[in-house]
Amino acid sequence: MSNLPLPKVTILPTDEHNQKLISYVHPPHWVNPQPVDCYDLVVIGAGTAGLVVAAGSAGLDLGLKVALIEKHLMGGDCLNFGCIPSKCMIRSSRVIGEISGAQGFGINTPEDIKVDFPQVMERMRKVRAGISHHDSATRFRNLGVDVFLGTGRFASDNIIEVDSQKIRFKKAVIATGARAMRPPIKGLEAAGFLTNETVFSLTELPKRLAVIGGGPIGCELAQAFQRLGSQVSLFHQGSHILNREDPEAAEILQNCFIQEKIHLLLNSQIDHIEKSIEGKVIYFLSNGSPMSITVDEILVATGRVPNVEGLNLEAVGVEYNHRQGVKVNDYLQTTNSKIYAAGDICMKWKFTHAADAAARIVIKNTLFSPFGLGRYKLSNLVIPWVTYTDPEIAHVGMYEQEAQEQGMKINTIKIPFSTVDRAIADGEEDGFVKIHHQRGSDRILGATIVCRHAGETISEVTTAIVNKIGLNGLSNVIHPYPTQAEAIKKAADTYRRTLLTPTSKQFLRWLTRFS
């Protein structure tokens, strides 16, 4: 066993919750095991993709030798700096959203709603620590995985070095994930800024917060901080937020942001940033006009870049670039046939559930596809995604423009929630269900849903696409009344009515004479 001391890991603030988290995901007194002669599979990176590959391979009870290497925190971004902490903050901010709109439901509330921001963040840290045992080093050791905490790098075609230890492998998986992109803005580094890796360490609410980037992460956190009491200024280069999303969906959310008094700075280009006594001064062009704004903190949410550095991929013939990550084929195989990759390191879908699905493909293709037979393809996955704002925006499959670019003729059915009884009763009429289907067929090609719980609702459409259930099939599904998911059935029924041509109507009239 290696007796080298592990580098100390600190997560601020150093309270009992973060100490508990570290004790699970990077235990300070962990001793790496003595490597076996050769592992069937070695995984570098213990984020979602790496954990699923390791647990899925070792948990099959087939006597496979599996090793997992992590240099920082097991659980990756999802547990430590992404999904879990952000959704805890969003949940607290939704309470404020409910209270702010309570008067419309006949509930009188105090005019001055007090937010205890330190308590909001402590709750987040407590929740995160409470579930971290699922991703702990000890749990994976008990599953039969040899866990090595340290920096892994390829030394040769069948050896990975972790500090002073040499780990031999038959096949390897790169799952080192991605990190926040740092835009090349003059003065940004000197002024100081937050990313998803540091924002959840805050214990005091910034009174004035600039969010750079109007994509999903930027929008989620901008709304959460605004509701919790910050004055948020959201910088975005495009003419509207979420410019890759369905335009009508993005428009609904943008109007919501305006109502909530988020300062939207669209068509903006940041020139440089300076520190002053009053705070951090951002100089920018907005629609071509020079402007400036002073804030207390800056949150950068301009995308993700893959963690390819330090792996020594050149030594093993694995192609990569610093923008898109490791190059893989449709089977998630790199340019070295013995080495695979999964998750944010190689995929355009940078979602936890996409990494999970890709990891399952890797297990099949590395261990149970002799001579390449029966391999699974990444392109066969149907991956939904959600922007967890209020309302949420969920999507699966093709957008209308994508289908048109591929030469596919489609029809689109849109059901506004203003026509759905439960949404009206809930006071949640802004939003819609939009389903694209192949023209002349009930085959569903894609869908977008905008509502408070769109992330829960989209799974019905995803299930239909995966199992090749068309709109006819969905029309036959009985939905409880009243629910907002009834909008999906309304869309399916709308399709059914399009089948009533003059000829079919004449036939049906003929049938009624004999019934």
Protein backbone atom coordinates (compact mmCIF):
# COMPACT_ATOMS: atom_id res chain seq x y z
CA MET A 1 0.00 0.00 0.00
CA SER A 2 1.04 3.59 -0.63
CA ASN A 3 2.01 5.48 2.50
CA LEU A 4 2.22 8.85 0.76
CA PRO A 5 0.04 11.43 2.54
CA LEU A 6 -2.95 12.61 0.55
CA PRO A 7 -3.00 16.30 -0.36
CA LYS A 8 -5.28 18.17 1.99
CA VAL A 9 -8.70 19.00 0.57
CA THR A 10 -10.62 21.98 1.92
CA ILE A 11 -14.16 23.06 1.11
CA LEU A 12 -15.23 26.41 2.49
CA PRO A 13 -16.66 27.10 4.95
CA THR A 14 -14.99 24.48 7.15
CA ASP A 15 -18.10 23.64 9.16
CA GLU A 16 -19.35 20.25 10.33
CA HIS A 17 -21.28 19.64 7.13
CA ASN A 18 -18.35 20.18 4.81
CA GLN A 19 -16.10 18.16 7.10
CA LYS A 20 -18.61 15.33 6.87
CA LEU A 21 -18.69 15.68 3.09
CA ILE A 22 -14.89 15.46 2.86
CA SER A 23 -14.82 12.45 5.18
CA TYR A 24 -16.88 10.58 2.58
CA VAL A 25 -15.64 11.84 -0.79
CA HIS A 26 -11.95 12.45 -0.01
CA PRO A 27 -11.22 10.96 3.41
CA PRO A 28 -7.98 12.55 4.70
CA HIS A 29 -6.59 9.33 6.16
CA TRP A 30 -7.36 7.15 3.15
CA VAL A 31 -4.69 4.60 2.26
CA ASN A 32 -4.57 3.51 -1.37
CA PRO A 33 -4.60 -0.27 -1.87
CA GLN A 34 -1.76 -2.32 -3.27
CA PRO A 35 -2.57 -2.73 -7.00
CA VAL A 36 -3.31 -6.22 -8.31
CA ASP A 37 -1.23 -7.59 -11.16
CA CYS A 38 -3.66 -6.36 -13.81
CA TYR A 39 -7.12 -4.80 -13.70
CA ASP A 40 -9.87 -5.70 -16.13
CA LEU A 41 -10.97 -2.07 -16.07
CA VAL A 42 -9.46 1.13 -14.68
CA VAL A 43 -11.54 4.31 -14.51
CA ILE A 44 -9.98 7.77 -14.18
CA GLY A 45 -12.45 10.18 -12.61
CA ALA A 46 -15.09 9.54 -9.96
CA GLY A 47 -17.87 11.79 -11.17
CA THR A 48 -21.17 10.35 -12.34
CA ALA A 49 -19.80 8.51 -15.38
CA GLY A 50 -16.82 7.06 -13.52
CA LEU A 51 -18.87 5.98 -10.51
CA VAL A 52 -21.48 4.24 -12.67
CA VAL A 53 -18.84 2.41 -14.71
CA ALA A 54 -16.97 1.28 -11.59
CA ALA A 55 -20.02 0.26 -9.56
CA GLY A 56 -21.72 -1.38 -12.53
CA SER A 57 -18.65 -3.42 -13.45
CA ALA A 58 -17.65 -4.52 -9.94
CA GLY A 59 -21.23 -5.04 -8.80
CA LEU A 60 -21.90 -7.78 -11.34
CA ASP A 61 -20.16 -10.27 -9.04
CA LEU A 62 -18.20 -11.78 -11.93
CA GLY A 63 -14.81 -11.55 -10.26
CA LEU A 64 -13.74 -8.56 -12.34
CA LYS A 65 -10.87 -6.46 -11.05
CA VAL A 66 -11.89 -2.79 -11.19
CA ALA A 67 -9.94 0.29 -10.10
CA LEU A 68 -11.22 3.85 -9.70
CA ILE A 69 -8.91 6.90 -9.56
CA GLU A 70 -9.96 10.33 -8.27
CA LYS A 71 -7.66 13.28 -7.62
CA HIS A 72 -10.17 15.56 -5.91
CA LEU A 73 -13.73 14.80 -4.72
CA MET A 74 -15.67 11.64 -5.46
CA GLY A 75 -19.12 12.46 -6.76
CA GLY A 76 -17.73 15.03 -9.16
CA ASP A 77 -19.52 18.26 -9.99
CA CYS A 78 -23.02 16.83 -9.59
CA LEU A 79 -22.71 16.16 -5.87
CA ASN A 80 -20.21 18.82 -4.89
CA PHE A 81 -20.59 21.84 -7.19
CA GLY A 82 -23.57 21.24 -9.47
CA CYS A 83 -26.90 19.46 -9.39
CA ILE A 84 -27.34 18.95 -5.66
CA PRO A 85 -26.20 22.30 -4.23
CA SER A 86 -27.86 24.32 -6.99
CA LYS A 87 -31.19 22.56 -6.60
CA CYS A 88 -31.08 23.15 -2.84
CA MET A 89 -30.66 26.87 -3.47
CA ILE A 90 -33.35 26.84 -6.14
CA ARG A 91 -35.75 25.12 -3.73
CA SER A 92 -35.25 27.88 -1.16
CA SER A 93 -35.70 30.54 -3.82
CA ARG A 94 -38.95 28.92 -4.96
CA VAL A 95 -40.35 29.38 -1.48
CA ILE A 96 -39.75 33.11 -1.94
CA GLY A 97 -41.42 32.95 -5.33
CA GLU A 98 -44.48 31.30 -3.78
CA ILE A 99 -44.68 33.86 -0.97
CA SER A 100 -44.26 36.76 -3.38
CA GLY A 101 -47.27 35.58 -5.38
CA ALA A 102 -49.36 34.45 -2.42
CA GLN A 103 -51.68 37.46 -2.46
CA GLY A 104 -53.07 36.35 -5.81
CA PHE A 105 -54.32 33.22 -4.04
CA GLY A 106 -55.99 35.13 -1.21
CA ILE A 107 -53.08 34.75 1.22
CA ASN A 108 -51.83 37.91 2.90
CA THR A 109 -48.10 37.88 3.68
CA PRO A 110 -45.75 40.38 5.32
CA GLU A 111 -44.48 43.04 2.94
CA ASP A 112 -40.90 42.52 4.08
CA ILE A 113 -39.93 38.90 3.56
CA LYS A 114 -36.71 38.17 5.43
CA VAL A 115 -34.28 35.70 3.87
CA ASP A 116 -31.66 34.15 6.14
CA PHE A 117 -29.06 33.53 3.45
CA PRO A 118 -26.52 31.87 5.76
CA GLN A 119 -29.27 29.43 6.80
CA VAL A 120 -30.17 28.78 3.16
CA MET A 121 -26.56 27.85 2.44
CA GLU A 122 -26.19 25.78 5.59
CA ARG A 123 -29.26 23.77 4.60
CA MET A 124 -27.62 23.16 1.22
CA ARG A 125 -24.39 21.97 2.86
CA LYS A 126 -26.32 19.71 5.23
CA VAL A 127 -28.29 18.09 2.40
CA ARG A 128 -25.16 17.64 0.29
CA ALA A 129 -23.25 16.04 3.14
CA GLY A 130 -26.22 13.85 4.03
CA ILE A 131 -26.36 12.14 0.65
CA SER A 132 -22.61 12.07 -0.02
CA HIS A 133 -22.17 8.58 1.46
CA HIS A 134 -23.65 7.19 -1.78
CA ASP A 135 -20.50 8.37 -3.58
CA SER A 136 -18.05 7.66 -0.79
CA ALA A 137 -14.68 5.98 -1.13
CA THR A 138 -15.61 3.46 1.55
CA ARG A 139 -18.85 2.46 -0.17
CA PHE A 140 -17.06 1.79 -3.44
CA ARG A 141 -14.34 -0.18 -1.68
CA ASN A 142 -17.10 -2.30 -0.13
CA LEU A 143 -18.53 -2.85 -3.62
CA GLY A 144 -15.22 -4.45 -4.60
CA VAL A 145 -13.65 -1.45 -6.32
CA ASP A 146 -10.02 -0.56 -5.59
CA VAL A 147 -10.20 3.19 -4.95
CA PHE A 148 -7.05 5.25 -5.50
CA LEU A 149 -7.09 8.88 -4.40
CA GLY A 150 -4.47 10.76 -6.34
CA THR A 151 -3.61 12.07 -9.80
CA GLY A 152 -3.76 9.47 -12.56
CA ARG A 153 -1.83 9.71 -15.83
CA PHE A 154 -1.12 7.26 -18.62
CA ALA A 155 2.45 6.01 -18.55
CA SER A 156 2.16 3.48 -21.37
CA ASP A 157 -0.39 1.53 -23.37
CA ASN A 158 -1.29 -0.60 -20.35
CA ILE A 159 -0.09 1.34 -17.30
CA ILE A 160 -1.60 4.26 -15.42
CA GLU A 161 0.49 5.93 -12.74
CA VAL A 162 -1.12 7.26 -9.57
CA ASP A 163 1.57 9.16 -7.73
CA SER A 164 4.21 6.44 -7.11
CA GLN A 165 1.99 3.46 -7.93
CA LYS A 166 1.74 1.72 -11.28
CA ILE A 167 -1.64 0.29 -12.23
CA ARG A 168 -1.79 -2.16 -15.11
CA PHE A 169 -5.02 -2.48 -17.10
CA LYS A 170 -6.65 -4.41 -19.90
CA LYS A 171 -9.04 -1.56 -20.65
CA ALA A 172 -9.40 1.94 -19.30
CA VAL A 173 -12.10 4.60 -19.16
CA ILE A 174 -11.48 8.36 -19.08
CA ALA A 175 -14.21 10.11 -17.08
CA THR A 176 -12.49 13.24 -15.81
CA GLY A 177 -15.41 15.56 -16.57
CA ALA A 178 -15.29 19.29 -17.26
CA ARG A 179 -14.91 22.58 -15.43
CA ALA A 180 -16.20 26.13 -15.77
CA MET A 181 -14.81 28.06 -18.72
CA ARG A 182 -12.93 31.23 -17.81
CA PRO A 183 -13.64 33.87 -20.44
CA PRO A 184 -10.65 36.01 -21.55
CA ILE A 185 -11.98 39.26 -20.11
CA LYS A 186 -9.33 41.84 -19.22
CA GLY A 187 -9.24 42.41 -15.46
CA LEU A 188 -11.48 39.46 -14.56
CA GLU A 189 -8.79 37.48 -12.75
CA ALA A 190 -7.56 40.52 -10.83
CA ALA A 191 -11.08 41.53 -9.80
CA GLY A 192 -11.94 38.01 -8.68
CA PHE A 193 -14.95 35.97 -9.69
CA LEU A 194 -17.09 32.99 -8.78
CA THR A 195 -17.87 29.82 -10.74
CA ASN A 196 -20.05 26.85 -9.90
CA GLU A 197 -17.02 25.48 -7.99
CA THR A 198 -16.90 28.44 -5.58
CA VAL A 199 -20.34 30.05 -5.52
CA PHE A 200 -21.75 27.46 -3.12
CA SER A 201 -19.12 28.39 -0.55
CA LEU A 202 -20.75 31.79 -0.05
CA THR A 203 -22.03 32.51 3.46
CA GLU A 204 -23.06 36.12 2.84
CA LEU A 205 -25.49 37.26 0.15
CA PRO A 206 -23.90 39.57 -2.42
CA LYS A 207 -26.12 42.63 -2.62
CA ARG A 208 -25.18 43.21 -6.26
CA LEU A 209 -24.35 40.18 -8.39
CA ALA A 210 -23.33 40.08 -12.03
CA VAL A 211 -23.93 36.81 -13.84
CA ILE A 212 -22.00 36.43 -17.08
CA GLY A 213 -23.79 34.00 -19.39
CA GLY A 214 -27.47 33.55 -20.19
CA GLY A 215 -27.38 29.79 -20.67
CA PRO A 216 -29.04 27.23 -18.35
CA ILE A 217 -26.60 27.55 -15.42
CA GLY A 218 -26.52 31.33 -15.59
CA CYS A 219 -30.30 31.58 -15.76
CA GLU A 220 -30.90 29.14 -12.91
CA LEU A 221 -28.54 30.88 -10.52
CA ALA A 222 -29.51 34.40 -11.63
CA GLN A 223 -33.14 33.77 -10.71
CA ALA A 224 -32.25 32.01 -7.46
CA PHE A 225 -30.00 34.84 -6.24
CA GLN A 226 -32.51 37.50 -7.31
CA ARG A 227 -35.26 35.83 -5.31
CA LEU A 228 -32.97 35.40 -2.31
CA GLY A 229 -32.30 39.13 -2.23
CA SER A 230 -29.46 40.02 -4.60
CA GLN A 231 -29.87 42.58 -7.33
CA VAL A 232 -28.79 40.48 -10.28
CA SER A 233 -27.47 41.83 -13.57
CA LEU A 234 -27.40 39.14 -16.23
CA PHE A 235 -24.96 39.66 -19.12
CA HIS A 236 -25.63 37.78 -22.34
CA GLN A 237 -24.18 38.23 -25.81
CA GLY A 238 -27.37 37.08 -27.57
CA SER A 239 -30.58 38.99 -28.17
CA HIS A 240 -32.46 36.77 -25.72
CA ILE A 241 -31.54 34.34 -22.97
CA LEU A 242 -31.29 30.61 -23.64
CA ASN A 243 -30.69 31.26 -27.34
CA ARG A 244 -30.26 27.53 -28.03
CA GLU A 245 -33.68 26.76 -26.58
CA ASP A 246 -37.11 26.90 -28.22
CA PRO A 247 -37.60 30.67 -28.82
CA GLU A 248 -41.14 30.73 -27.42
CA ALA A 249 -39.96 28.93 -24.28
CA ALA A 250 -37.05 31.32 -23.82
CA GLU A 251 -39.41 34.28 -24.31
CA ILE A 252 -41.66 33.13 -21.47
CA LEU A 253 -38.71 32.85 -19.09
CA GLN A 254 -37.23 36.16 -20.22
CA ASN A 255 -40.53 37.93 -19.48
CA CYS A 256 -40.57 36.24 -16.08
CA PHE A 257 -37.06 37.57 -15.38
CA ILE A 258 -38.15 41.07 -16.32
CA GLN A 259 -41.14 40.82 -13.96
CA GLU A 260 -38.82 39.69 -11.17
CA LYS A 261 -36.61 42.75 -11.84
CA ILE A 262 -33.51 40.89 -12.99
CA HIS A 263 -31.43 43.44 -14.88
CA LEU A 264 -31.05 41.89 -18.33
CA LEU A 265 -28.10 43.17 -20.35
CA LEU A 266 -28.63 41.53 -23.73
CA ASN A 267 -26.50 42.01 -26.84
CA SER A 268 -23.71 42.94 -24.44
CA GLN A 269 -19.95 42.63 -24.85
CA ILE A 270 -17.81 43.03 -21.73
CA ASP A 271 -14.69 45.06 -22.45
CA HIS A 272 -12.85 44.98 -19.13
CA ILE A 273 -13.32 44.90 -15.36
CA GLU A 274 -11.71 47.06 -12.68
CA LYS A 275 -11.75 46.96 -8.89
CA SER A 276 -12.75 50.09 -7.02
CA ILE A 277 -13.69 51.14 -3.50
CA GLU A 278 -17.36 50.70 -4.39
CA GLY A 279 -16.89 47.20 -5.80
CA LYS A 280 -16.11 45.58 -9.13
CA VAL A 281 -16.77 47.83 -12.13
CA ILE A 282 -17.74 46.10 -15.37
CA TYR A 283 -17.25 48.15 -18.54
CA PHE A 284 -19.25 46.85 -21.49
CA LEU A 285 -21.00 47.63 -24.75
CA SER A 286 -24.75 47.15 -24.86
CA ASN A 287 -26.23 47.34 -28.35
CA GLY A 288 -23.05 49.22 -29.29
CA SER A 289 -23.27 51.84 -26.53
CA PRO A 290 -20.53 52.01 -23.85
CA MET A 291 -21.83 51.47 -20.32
CA SER A 292 -20.61 50.40 -16.88
CA ILE A 293 -22.06 48.82 -13.77
CA THR A 294 -20.67 48.22 -10.29
CA VAL A 295 -21.29 44.94 -8.44
CA ASP A 296 -20.08 43.13 -5.34
CA GLU A 297 -19.52 39.70 -6.94
CA ILE A 298 -19.24 38.26 -10.43
CA LEU A 299 -20.46 34.77 -11.30
CA VAL A 300 -19.10 33.32 -14.53
CA ALA A 301 -21.40 30.85 -16.32
CA THR A 302 -20.12 30.87 -19.89
CA GLY A 303 -19.92 27.15 -20.54
CA ARG A 304 -17.70 24.19 -19.73
CA VAL A 305 -14.29 22.98 -20.86
CA PRO A 306 -13.09 19.35 -20.62
CA ASN A 307 -10.47 18.24 -18.09
CA VAL A 308 -7.88 16.80 -20.47
CA GLU A 309 -4.78 18.28 -18.86
CA GLY A 310 -2.25 16.08 -17.09
CA LEU A 311 -3.53 12.76 -18.44
CA ASN A 312 -0.57 12.31 -20.84
CA LEU A 313 -2.98 11.22 -23.56
CA GLU A 314 -0.31 11.69 -26.23
CA ALA A 315 1.60 8.75 -24.78
CA VAL A 316 -1.25 6.36 -25.54
CA GLY A 317 -2.45 7.78 -28.86
CA VAL A 318 -5.72 9.26 -27.58
CA GLU A 319 -6.77 12.23 -29.69
CA TYR A 320 -8.31 15.25 -27.98
CA ASN A 321 -8.61 19.01 -28.08
CA HIS A 322 -9.00 21.53 -25.31
CA ARG A 323 -12.48 22.68 -26.41
CA GLN A 324 -14.37 19.48 -27.20
CA GLY A 325 -12.37 17.02 -25.12
CA VAL A 326 -11.47 13.43 -25.92
CA LYS A 327 -12.39 12.22 -29.40
CA VAL A 328 -14.65 9.15 -29.33
CA ASN A 329 -16.61 7.15 -31.89
CA ASP A 330 -20.26 6.18 -31.59
CA TYR A 331 -19.28 3.35 -29.22
CA LEU A 332 -17.48 5.79 -26.89
CA GLN A 333 -14.15 4.31 -27.92
CA THR A 334 -11.18 6.66 -28.22
CA THR A 335 -8.53 6.52 -30.93
CA ASN A 336 -6.83 3.91 -28.71
CA SER A 337 -9.06 0.82 -28.98
CA LYS A 338 -8.32 -0.18 -25.36
CA ILE A 339 -9.40 3.15 -23.92
CA TYR A 340 -12.96 4.50 -23.73
CA ALA A 341 -14.42 7.75 -22.43
CA ALA A 342 -17.76 8.85 -20.99
CA GLY A 343 -19.41 11.97 -19.62
CA ASP A 344 -18.47 15.63 -19.94
CA ILE A 345 -14.93 14.79 -21.06
CA CYS A 346 -16.18 13.70 -24.48
CA MET A 347 -19.90 14.42 -24.92
CA LYS A 348 -21.85 17.47 -26.08
CA TRP A 349 -24.62 16.65 -23.58
CA LYS A 350 -23.09 17.78 -20.30
CA PHE A 351 -25.79 16.40 -18.00
CA THR A 352 -25.55 13.96 -15.11
CA HIS A 353 -28.18 11.66 -16.60
CA ALA A 354 -26.37 11.68 -19.96
CA ALA A 355 -23.13 10.69 -18.23
CA ASP A 356 -24.99 7.89 -16.43
CA ALA A 357 -26.46 6.59 -19.71
CA ALA A 358 -23.07 6.78 -21.46
CA ALA A 359 -21.42 4.88 -18.60
CA ARG A 360 -23.85 1.99 -19.11
CA ILE A 361 -22.86 1.89 -22.78
CA VAL A 362 -19.19 1.76 -21.76
CA ILE A 363 -19.79 -1.19 -19.41
CA LYS A 364 -21.45 -3.13 -22.22
CA ASN A 365 -18.88 -2.23 -24.87
CA THR A 366 -15.74 -2.77 -22.78
CA LEU A 367 -16.71 -5.97 -21.00
CA PHE A 368 -19.50 -7.75 -22.87
CA SER A 369 -18.93 -7.18 -26.58
CA PRO A 370 -16.39 -9.79 -27.72
CA PHE A 371 -14.81 -8.95 -31.08
CA GLY A 372 -17.03 -5.85 -31.14
CA LEU A 373 -20.25 -7.84 -31.36
CA GLY A 374 -23.40 -6.42 -29.84
CA ARG A 375 -21.97 -3.01 -29.03
CA TYR A 376 -24.28 -0.18 -28.01
CA LYS A 377 -24.26 3.20 -29.77
CA LEU A 378 -24.26 6.64 -28.19
CA SER A 379 -26.37 7.96 -31.07
CA ASN A 380 -29.23 5.66 -30.06
CA LEU A 381 -29.75 7.47 -26.77
CA VAL A 382 -32.79 9.72 -26.35
CA ILE A 383 -31.65 12.35 -23.86
CA PRO A 384 -34.03 14.86 -22.30
CA TRP A 385 -32.79 17.96 -20.48
CA VAL A 386 -34.18 20.58 -18.18
CA THR A 387 -33.39 24.16 -17.25
CA TYR A 388 -34.44 24.36 -13.60
CA THR A 389 -35.76 27.89 -13.54
CA ASP A 390 -39.30 28.82 -12.52
CA PRO A 391 -40.99 27.93 -14.79
CA GLU A 392 -38.81 25.04 -15.87
CA ILE A 393 -38.05 24.41 -19.53
CA ALA A 394 -37.73 20.76 -20.53
CA HIS A 395 -36.91 19.34 -23.94
CA VAL A 396 -36.37 15.98 -25.61
CA GLY A 397 -35.60 14.98 -29.17
CA MET A 398 -35.46 17.40 -32.08
CA TYR A 399 -36.23 21.07 -32.19
CA GLU A 400 -38.31 22.25 -35.14
CA GLN A 401 -35.31 23.92 -36.77
CA GLU A 402 -33.19 20.75 -36.41
CA ALA A 403 -35.82 18.67 -38.18
CA GLN A 404 -36.07 21.20 -41.00
CA GLU A 405 -32.29 21.27 -41.40
CA GLN A 406 -32.34 17.49 -41.81
CA GLY A 407 -35.00 17.77 -44.50
CA MET A 408 -37.74 16.23 -42.37
CA LYS A 409 -41.29 17.43 -42.83
CA ILE A 410 -42.96 17.92 -39.49
CA ASN A 411 -46.13 19.20 -37.90
CA THR A 412 -46.17 20.89 -34.51
CA ILE A 413 -48.96 20.70 -31.94
CA LYS A 414 -48.94 23.31 -29.18
CA ILE A 415 -51.18 23.16 -26.12
CA PRO A 416 -51.05 26.34 -24.00
CA PHE A 417 -51.47 25.74 -20.28
CA SER A 418 -54.10 28.46 -20.35
CA THR A 419 -56.36 25.73 -21.78
CA VAL A 420 -55.52 23.15 -19.09
CA ASP A 421 -57.86 23.21 -16.09
CA ARG A 422 -55.29 22.23 -13.45
CA ALA A 423 -52.81 24.85 -14.66
CA ILE A 424 -55.56 27.48 -14.46
CA ALA A 425 -56.44 26.37 -10.92
CA ASP A 426 -52.74 26.49 -9.98
CA GLY A 427 -52.33 29.97 -11.41
CA GLU A 428 -49.67 28.64 -13.77
CA GLU A 429 -51.10 29.47 -17.16
CA ASP A 430 -47.88 30.76 -18.72
CA GLY A 431 -46.32 27.87 -20.54
CA PHE A 432 -47.14 25.14 -23.01
CA VAL A 433 -46.61 21.62 -24.25
CA LYS A 434 -45.26 21.57 -27.77
CA ILE A 435 -44.85 18.28 -29.64
CA HIS A 436 -43.28 17.84 -33.09
CA HIS A 437 -44.34 14.80 -35.10
CA GLN A 438 -43.46 13.51 -38.53
CA ARG A 439 -45.88 14.76 -41.15
CA GLY A 440 -48.25 12.01 -42.21
CA SER A 441 -47.39 9.95 -39.13
CA ASP A 442 -47.95 9.99 -35.38
CA ARG A 443 -44.22 9.43 -34.76
CA ILE A 444 -42.96 11.90 -32.14
CA LEU A 445 -39.71 13.64 -33.09
CA GLY A 446 -39.34 16.05 -30.19
CA ALA A 447 -41.09 18.04 -27.50
CA THR A 448 -40.66 21.14 -25.35
CA ILE A 449 -42.57 21.73 -22.13
CA VAL A 450 -42.65 24.97 -20.16
CA CYS A 451 -44.21 24.81 -16.70
CA ARG A 452 -43.23 24.73 -13.04
CA HIS A 453 -42.58 20.96 -13.08
CA ALA A 454 -41.64 20.46 -16.72
CA GLY A 455 -38.72 18.26 -15.68
CA GLU A 456 -41.13 15.73 -14.20
CA THR A 457 -43.59 15.95 -17.11
CA ILE A 458 -41.12 15.47 -19.98
CA SER A 459 -40.43 11.85 -19.03
CA GLU A 460 -43.77 10.71 -20.43
CA VAL A 461 -42.83 11.99 -23.87
CA THR A 462 -39.30 10.58 -23.54
CA THR A 463 -40.76 7.17 -22.69
CA ALA A 464 -43.00 7.39 -25.75
CA ILE A 465 -40.08 8.21 -28.07
CA VAL A 466 -37.83 5.47 -26.65
CA ASN A 467 -40.55 2.84 -26.92
CA LYS A 468 -41.81 4.09 -30.31
CA ILE A 469 -45.22 5.03 -28.94
CA GLY A 470 -46.79 7.60 -31.22
CA LEU A 471 -49.42 10.22 -30.55
CA ASN A 472 -52.14 7.65 -31.19
CA GLY A 473 -50.77 5.59 -28.32
CA LEU A 474 -50.56 8.57 -25.98
CA SER A 475 -54.15 9.45 -26.82
CA ASN A 476 -55.20 6.06 -25.43
CA VAL A 477 -53.48 6.70 -22.08
CA ILE A 478 -55.88 7.77 -19.34
CA HIS A 479 -54.48 10.75 -17.47
CA PRO A 480 -55.79 11.64 -14.01
CA TYR A 481 -57.97 14.74 -13.97
CA PRO A 482 -57.07 17.40 -13.14
CA THR A 483 -53.33 17.33 -13.74
CA GLN A 484 -51.03 19.51 -15.81
CA ALA A 485 -49.78 16.39 -17.60
CA GLU A 486 -53.21 16.26 -19.20
CA ALA A 487 -51.75 18.76 -21.70
CA ILE A 488 -49.85 15.84 -23.26
CA LYS A 489 -53.09 13.94 -23.80
CA LYS A 490 -54.67 17.08 -25.25
CA ALA A 491 -51.81 17.24 -27.76
CA ALA A 492 -52.34 13.58 -28.67
CA ASP A 493 -56.09 14.11 -29.04
CA THR A 494 -55.41 17.10 -31.27
CA TYR A 495 -53.41 14.83 -33.55
CA ARG A 496 -56.24 12.29 -33.63
CA ARG A 497 -58.66 14.96 -34.79
CA THR A 498 -56.42 15.74 -37.77
CA LEU A 499 -57.17 12.23 -39.03
CA LEU A 500 -60.81 13.15 -39.57
CA THR A 501 -60.70 13.87 -43.29
CA PRO A 502 -63.89 14.41 -45.31
CA THR A 503 -63.66 10.80 -46.53
CA SER A 504 -63.24 9.36 -43.03
CA LYS A 505 -66.08 11.51 -41.73
CA GLN A 506 -68.34 10.17 -44.48
CA PHE A 507 -67.35 6.63 -43.54
CA LEU A 508 -68.07 7.26 -39.86
CA ARG A 509 -71.51 8.70 -40.71
CA TRP A 510 -72.20 5.55 -42.67
CA LEU A 511 -71.20 3.42 -39.65
CA THR A 512 -73.60 5.25 -37.35
CA ARG A 513 -76.55 4.11 -39.44
CA PHE A 514 -75.87 0.51 -38.44
CA SER A 515 -74.91 1.07 -34.80
